[in-house]
Each structure stands twice: as C-alpha cells, then as structure tokens.
Amino acid sequence: MSKSKKNGTSSSFKNKQERRQAELERQKKKTRILLIGTILLTVVIFAGLFVLASKNTGNSASFNYDELPRLGKADAPVKLVEFGDFKCPACARFSVGIKPLLVQEYIETGKAALYFVNMSFIGPDSETASLAALSVYHQSSEAFWAYYDALYANQGDEDAEWATEDFLVKLAQNEKLPIDYDLLRKDIQNRTYSGELKRDNAVANTNDVKSTPSLFINGIKASDPLNISAIAAEIESAAKAAEAE
C-alpha cells in the first residue's frame, strides 16, 4: 500500500474515532442533564408531599399545647409531643439517647419545643410516678424536666413496683429540686392531679397511641421515636412545611 493510501486510511480512522468520542460526550451530557432533572423533580415532588401531609389535618393529631409541660419556646415552629410512661424502659432510652440531641439541635436553637403527655399503663406505680411529676410541674415547670430526667435515670425494674411515695419524694430531695417536698408528698397521697392524669391518658386514647414512647411532630406521628436520623429528617420536613404556610 502506498504511503498516501496509508495516510488516508489513518486519517479516516482518526476522524471516526473523533466523531465517536464526540457522540459519547454528547450522550454523557444528555445523561447528566436527565439525571439532574430527575433529582430536582424528585426533590420538588417530595417537598410538595411533605407540605400536603402537614396540612392534612384529617390525618394529624390535635393537642392543647398550653396545658402540657413544655421544654423550649412556645412559638417554636415545630412542636414535638412525647407520650411516655416513667416505668417504660424504651422511654428511658428516649430520655437518654434522643432528648439530649433534640435539645441541642432543635430546642436550644428555637426551631422546636418538646411537650410531654403522661401515658401511665404499665403498672399502678406508673400512675404514682405521673402524679408526682404533675405535682412537680405545677410547682415549677423547669423542675419538671429535671425530675423527668431523674425518674428515667433512676428507673427500677419494669415488673417491680418501685415508684413509691417515699421513693418519689426522696428522689426530688436528692435532685435538690426547688419545690415544696411536703406538698409533693401531699399531692401524691391525695392524688391531687388525677384529673389531669385522666385527661392525658384520654389524649393518648383519642390519638390511638398504643405504645410508649410515641412522638408526634406537628401532629404527625414519627416513624421511629428511637431513631434520631429519622426524627431529624421529619423535623426538617415539618419546619419546611410550617415555613411554607
């Protein structure tokens, strides 16, 4: 083969390669554009679904927030409602593993507030513990949350009746809560706040709460109250929905 024919063949092959490379680059560009568009569309769709879910009051719980113990600002855009039993081991895990993170990331920053509803069902002393906590709350809303932490930190066996009157008063004294301890004992003995406790349990029943802990985020039940990643995502979604209103 002559030199000129070799050069021609080589040039033709090179041109084909260049055209093929250019076509591949165009295809890659189209794929990238399509992928980015799909991602953006997915984000928009899910954002819309989150907003619709938050606005769908037919599927959301309704709470009288003013009558519940609150940690955080009353005007926080995201309202978290925990249903708990002070004898519940899973609730103790929530208080130790989840609540501190919520306080640090959302409550102290003003994005969320945490509310508590008693759901006393495990044993007779579940009610005794709740009555003591309500007594503390009515003396000092700040002391309530210190007592809440202390009750879970000093929780006895689920099957034993450990939340006795003496234990509950002694615990408040050990924590040096700024309350009247004699009044606390009197409130436990007289079941002073039994009406409020019945109201709390009725709220649980009305909202079909079957287990503790249960957590509601702006009226929508959290998918997993012991999974901080899931809770964080749901709080962010609720915040965006509240912002869009």
Protein backbone atom coordinates (compact mmCIF):
# COMPACT_ATOMS: atom_id res chain seq x y z
CA MET A 1 0.00 0.00 0.00
CA SER A 2 1.30 3.44 -0.91
CA LYS A 3 2.15 5.98 1.74
CA SER A 4 -0.68 8.28 0.63
CA LYS A 5 -3.26 5.47 0.99
CA LYS A 6 -1.94 4.63 4.44
CA ASN A 7 -2.23 8.26 5.49
CA GLY A 8 -5.78 8.41 4.10
CA THR A 9 -6.84 5.29 5.95
CA SER A 10 -5.26 6.55 9.15
CA SER A 11 -6.95 9.94 8.78
CA SER A 12 -10.34 8.32 8.14
CA PHE A 13 -9.97 6.09 11.19
CA LYS A 14 -8.96 9.09 13.30
CA ASN A 15 -11.99 11.05 12.13
CA LYS A 16 -14.29 8.16 13.01
CA GLN A 17 -12.76 7.94 16.46
CA GLU A 18 -13.19 11.67 16.99
CA ARG A 19 -16.80 11.52 15.84
CA ARG A 20 -17.45 8.56 18.10
CA GLN A 21 -15.81 10.35 21.05
CA ALA A 22 -17.86 13.46 20.37
CA GLU A 23 -21.04 11.40 20.24
CA LEU A 24 -20.16 9.72 23.54
CA GLU A 25 -19.58 13.12 25.13
CA ARG A 26 -22.96 14.33 23.86
CA GLN A 27 -24.64 11.23 25.28
CA LYS A 28 -22.90 11.71 28.62
CA LYS A 29 -24.02 15.34 28.70
CA LYS A 30 -27.61 14.35 27.93
CA THR A 31 -27.48 11.67 30.65
CA ARG A 32 -26.15 14.17 33.21
CA ILE A 33 -28.87 16.68 32.33
CA LEU A 34 -31.54 13.98 32.53
CA LEU A 35 -30.19 12.74 35.89
CA ILE A 36 -30.05 16.23 37.40
CA GLY A 37 -33.56 16.95 36.14
CA THR A 38 -34.85 13.72 37.66
CA ILE A 39 -33.25 14.50 41.02
CA LEU A 40 -34.69 18.02 41.06
CA LEU A 41 -38.13 16.73 40.11
CA THR A 42 -37.97 14.12 42.87
CA VAL A 43 -37.00 16.77 45.44
CA VAL A 44 -39.88 19.01 44.34
CA ILE A 45 -42.37 16.13 44.48
CA PHE A 46 -41.30 15.05 47.98
CA ALA A 47 -41.27 18.62 49.25
CA GLY A 48 -44.81 19.00 47.97
CA LEU A 49 -45.86 15.75 49.63
CA PHE A 50 -44.36 16.87 52.95
CA VAL A 51 -46.28 20.14 52.79
CA LEU A 52 -49.51 18.36 51.90
CA ALA A 53 -49.02 15.81 54.69
CA SER A 54 -48.51 18.55 57.23
CA LYS A 55 -51.59 20.42 56.03
CA ASN A 56 -53.74 17.31 56.01
CA THR A 57 -55.34 17.86 59.41
CA GLY A 58 -57.57 14.83 58.93
CA ASN A 59 -54.54 12.60 59.50
CA SER A 60 -52.88 14.68 62.21
CA ALA A 61 -53.34 14.75 65.97
CA SER A 62 -54.62 17.82 67.76
CA PHE A 63 -53.17 18.93 71.10
CA ASN A 64 -53.87 21.69 73.58
CA TYR A 65 -50.24 22.65 73.92
CA ASP A 66 -50.87 25.27 76.59
CA GLU A 67 -51.86 22.61 79.15
CA LEU A 68 -48.77 20.42 78.67
CA PRO A 69 -45.29 20.62 80.22
CA ARG A 70 -43.06 22.37 77.65
CA LEU A 71 -39.32 22.48 77.07
CA GLY A 72 -38.42 25.28 74.68
CA LYS A 73 -40.13 28.33 73.25
CA ALA A 74 -43.92 28.38 72.96
CA ASP A 75 -43.67 29.96 69.50
CA ALA A 76 -41.26 27.35 68.10
CA PRO A 77 -42.46 26.37 64.59
CA VAL A 78 -42.07 22.64 65.29
CA LYS A 79 -43.92 21.14 68.23
CA LEU A 80 -42.82 17.70 69.47
CA VAL A 81 -45.19 15.78 71.73
CA GLU A 82 -43.88 12.74 73.59
CA PHE A 83 -46.19 10.18 75.17
CA GLY A 84 -44.34 8.41 77.96
CA ASP A 85 -44.64 6.15 80.99
CA PHE A 86 -41.97 6.65 83.66
CA LYS A 87 -41.77 2.86 84.11
CA CYS A 88 -41.15 2.27 80.40
CA PRO A 89 -37.56 1.12 79.60
CA ALA A 90 -37.84 2.35 75.99
CA CYS A 91 -38.90 5.77 77.30
CA ALA A 92 -35.74 5.79 79.42
CA ARG A 93 -33.73 5.16 76.24
CA PHE A 94 -35.52 8.07 74.59
CA SER A 95 -34.71 10.36 77.53
CA VAL A 96 -31.01 9.42 77.45
CA GLY A 97 -30.32 8.88 73.75
CA ILE A 98 -32.79 11.10 71.89
CA LYS A 99 -33.91 14.00 74.09
CA PRO A 100 -30.40 15.49 74.64
CA LEU A 101 -29.85 15.61 70.87
CA LEU A 102 -33.23 17.23 70.32
CA VAL A 103 -32.39 19.82 72.98
CA GLN A 104 -29.01 20.61 71.43
CA GLU A 105 -30.02 20.71 67.77
CA TYR A 106 -33.59 21.96 67.82
CA ILE A 107 -34.87 23.17 71.19
CA GLU A 108 -31.98 25.44 72.17
CA THR A 109 -31.92 26.88 68.65
CA GLY A 110 -35.62 27.77 68.84
CA LYS A 111 -36.65 25.52 65.96
CA ALA A 112 -38.65 23.10 68.12
CA ALA A 113 -40.28 22.70 71.53
CA LEU A 114 -40.86 19.43 73.37
CA TYR A 115 -44.12 18.68 75.20
CA PHE A 116 -44.94 15.72 77.43
CA VAL A 117 -48.13 13.67 77.85
CA ASN A 118 -48.42 11.00 80.55
CA MET A 119 -49.49 7.58 79.34
CA SER A 120 -49.45 5.57 82.57
CA PHE A 121 -50.35 1.98 81.75
CA ILE A 122 -47.54 -0.38 82.78
CA GLY A 123 -48.39 -0.70 86.48
CA PRO A 124 -50.09 1.00 89.45
CA ASP A 125 -46.93 2.94 90.24
CA SER A 126 -46.90 4.31 86.68
CA GLU A 127 -49.78 6.47 87.90
CA THR A 128 -47.97 7.29 91.15
CA ALA A 129 -44.91 8.49 89.21
CA SER A 130 -47.07 10.55 86.87
CA LEU A 131 -48.95 12.13 89.79
CA ALA A 132 -45.61 13.07 91.36
CA ALA A 133 -44.33 14.52 88.07
CA LEU A 134 -47.51 16.58 87.67
CA SER A 135 -47.13 17.89 91.22
CA VAL A 136 -43.57 18.97 90.45
CA TYR A 137 -44.72 20.57 87.20
CA HIS A 138 -47.35 22.68 88.95
CA GLN A 139 -44.74 23.92 91.39
CA SER A 140 -42.05 24.60 88.78
CA SER A 141 -42.13 23.94 85.03
CA GLU A 142 -38.32 23.94 84.91
CA ALA A 143 -38.07 21.48 87.80
CA PHE A 144 -40.41 19.15 85.93
CA TRP A 145 -37.80 18.41 83.25
CA ALA A 146 -35.09 17.83 85.86
CA TYR A 147 -37.46 15.41 87.60
CA TYR A 148 -38.31 13.79 84.25
CA ASP A 149 -34.60 13.08 83.66
CA ALA A 150 -34.10 11.85 87.23
CA LEU A 151 -37.06 9.46 87.08
CA TYR A 152 -35.73 7.80 83.95
CA ALA A 153 -32.12 7.80 85.17
CA ASN A 154 -33.20 6.07 88.40
CA GLN A 155 -35.82 3.81 86.83
CA GLY A 156 -36.39 0.47 88.56
CA ASP A 157 -37.34 -2.87 87.07
CA GLU A 158 -40.39 -2.71 84.84
CA ASP A 159 -42.01 -5.63 86.67
CA ALA A 160 -41.35 -4.27 90.17
CA GLU A 161 -43.37 -1.60 91.99
CA TRP A 162 -40.54 0.84 92.65
CA ALA A 163 -42.16 4.27 92.12
CA THR A 164 -43.49 4.53 95.66
CA GLU A 165 -44.40 7.71 97.50
CA ASP A 166 -41.22 7.60 99.60
CA PHE A 167 -39.01 6.92 96.58
CA LEU A 168 -40.54 9.76 94.56
CA VAL A 169 -40.21 12.33 97.35
CA LYS A 170 -36.65 11.19 98.18
CA LEU A 171 -35.68 11.46 94.51
CA ALA A 172 -36.88 15.07 94.37
CA GLN A 173 -34.87 15.82 97.51
CA ASN A 174 -31.74 14.14 96.15
CA GLU A 175 -32.03 16.22 92.98
CA LYS A 176 -32.44 19.35 95.14
CA LEU A 177 -35.47 20.43 93.14
CA PRO A 178 -36.63 23.94 94.09
CA ILE A 179 -40.05 22.76 95.27
CA ASP A 180 -42.00 22.11 98.47
CA TYR A 181 -41.33 18.43 99.27
CA ASP A 182 -44.14 18.24 101.83
CA LEU A 183 -46.56 19.50 99.18
CA LEU A 184 -45.23 16.90 96.76
CA ARG A 185 -45.94 14.12 99.28
CA LYS A 186 -49.39 15.54 99.99
CA ASP A 187 -50.21 15.73 96.27
CA ILE A 188 -49.18 12.09 95.81
CA GLN A 189 -51.25 10.94 98.79
CA ASN A 190 -54.32 12.93 97.77
CA ARG A 191 -53.95 12.19 94.06
CA THR A 192 -54.32 15.92 93.53
CA TYR A 193 -53.74 15.78 89.79
CA SER A 194 -55.64 12.60 89.00
CA GLY A 195 -57.99 14.64 86.79
CA GLU A 196 -55.08 15.83 84.66
CA LEU A 197 -53.66 12.33 84.51
CA LYS A 198 -57.00 11.02 83.23
CA ARG A 199 -57.01 13.80 80.67
CA ASP A 200 -53.51 12.82 79.48
CA ASN A 201 -54.49 9.17 79.14
CA ALA A 202 -57.62 10.23 77.25
CA VAL A 203 -55.44 12.24 74.84
CA ALA A 204 -53.42 9.08 74.19
CA ASN A 205 -56.59 7.09 73.58
CA THR A 206 -58.11 9.75 71.31
CA ASN A 207 -54.98 9.79 69.15
CA ASP A 208 -54.75 5.99 69.04
CA VAL A 209 -51.42 5.87 70.85
CA LYS A 210 -50.70 2.23 71.62
CA SER A 211 -47.14 2.28 72.95
CA THR A 212 -44.52 4.41 74.64
CA PRO A 213 -42.54 6.30 73.73
CA SER A 214 -44.60 7.75 70.90
CA LEU A 215 -43.61 11.03 69.34
CA PHE A 216 -45.69 13.45 67.29
CA ILE A 217 -44.12 16.16 65.13
CA ASN A 218 -46.55 18.98 64.42
CA GLY A 219 -49.36 16.50 64.86
CA ILE A 220 -47.87 13.79 62.64
CA LYS A 221 -46.71 10.59 64.34
CA ALA A 222 -42.96 10.00 63.99
CA SER A 223 -42.00 6.83 62.15
CA ASP A 224 -39.50 5.74 64.82
CA PRO A 225 -39.17 7.62 68.15
CA LEU A 226 -35.82 5.97 68.89
CA ASN A 227 -34.15 6.75 65.54
CA ILE A 228 -32.61 10.22 65.70
CA SER A 229 -31.83 10.28 61.96
CA ALA A 230 -35.47 9.64 61.07
CA ILE A 231 -36.69 12.14 63.67
CA ALA A 232 -34.27 14.80 62.38
CA ALA A 233 -35.48 14.34 58.80
CA GLU A 234 -39.11 14.58 59.90
CA ILE A 235 -38.41 17.70 61.97
CA GLU A 236 -36.74 19.36 58.99
CA SER A 237 -39.73 18.44 56.79
CA ALA A 238 -42.16 19.82 59.38
CA ALA A 239 -40.13 23.03 59.63
CA LYS A 240 -40.23 23.50 55.85
CA ALA A 241 -43.97 22.82 55.78
CA ALA A 242 -44.55 25.34 58.60
CA GLU A 243 -42.44 27.88 56.74
CA ALA A 244 -44.50 27.41 53.59
CA GLU A 245 -47.80 28.11 55.35
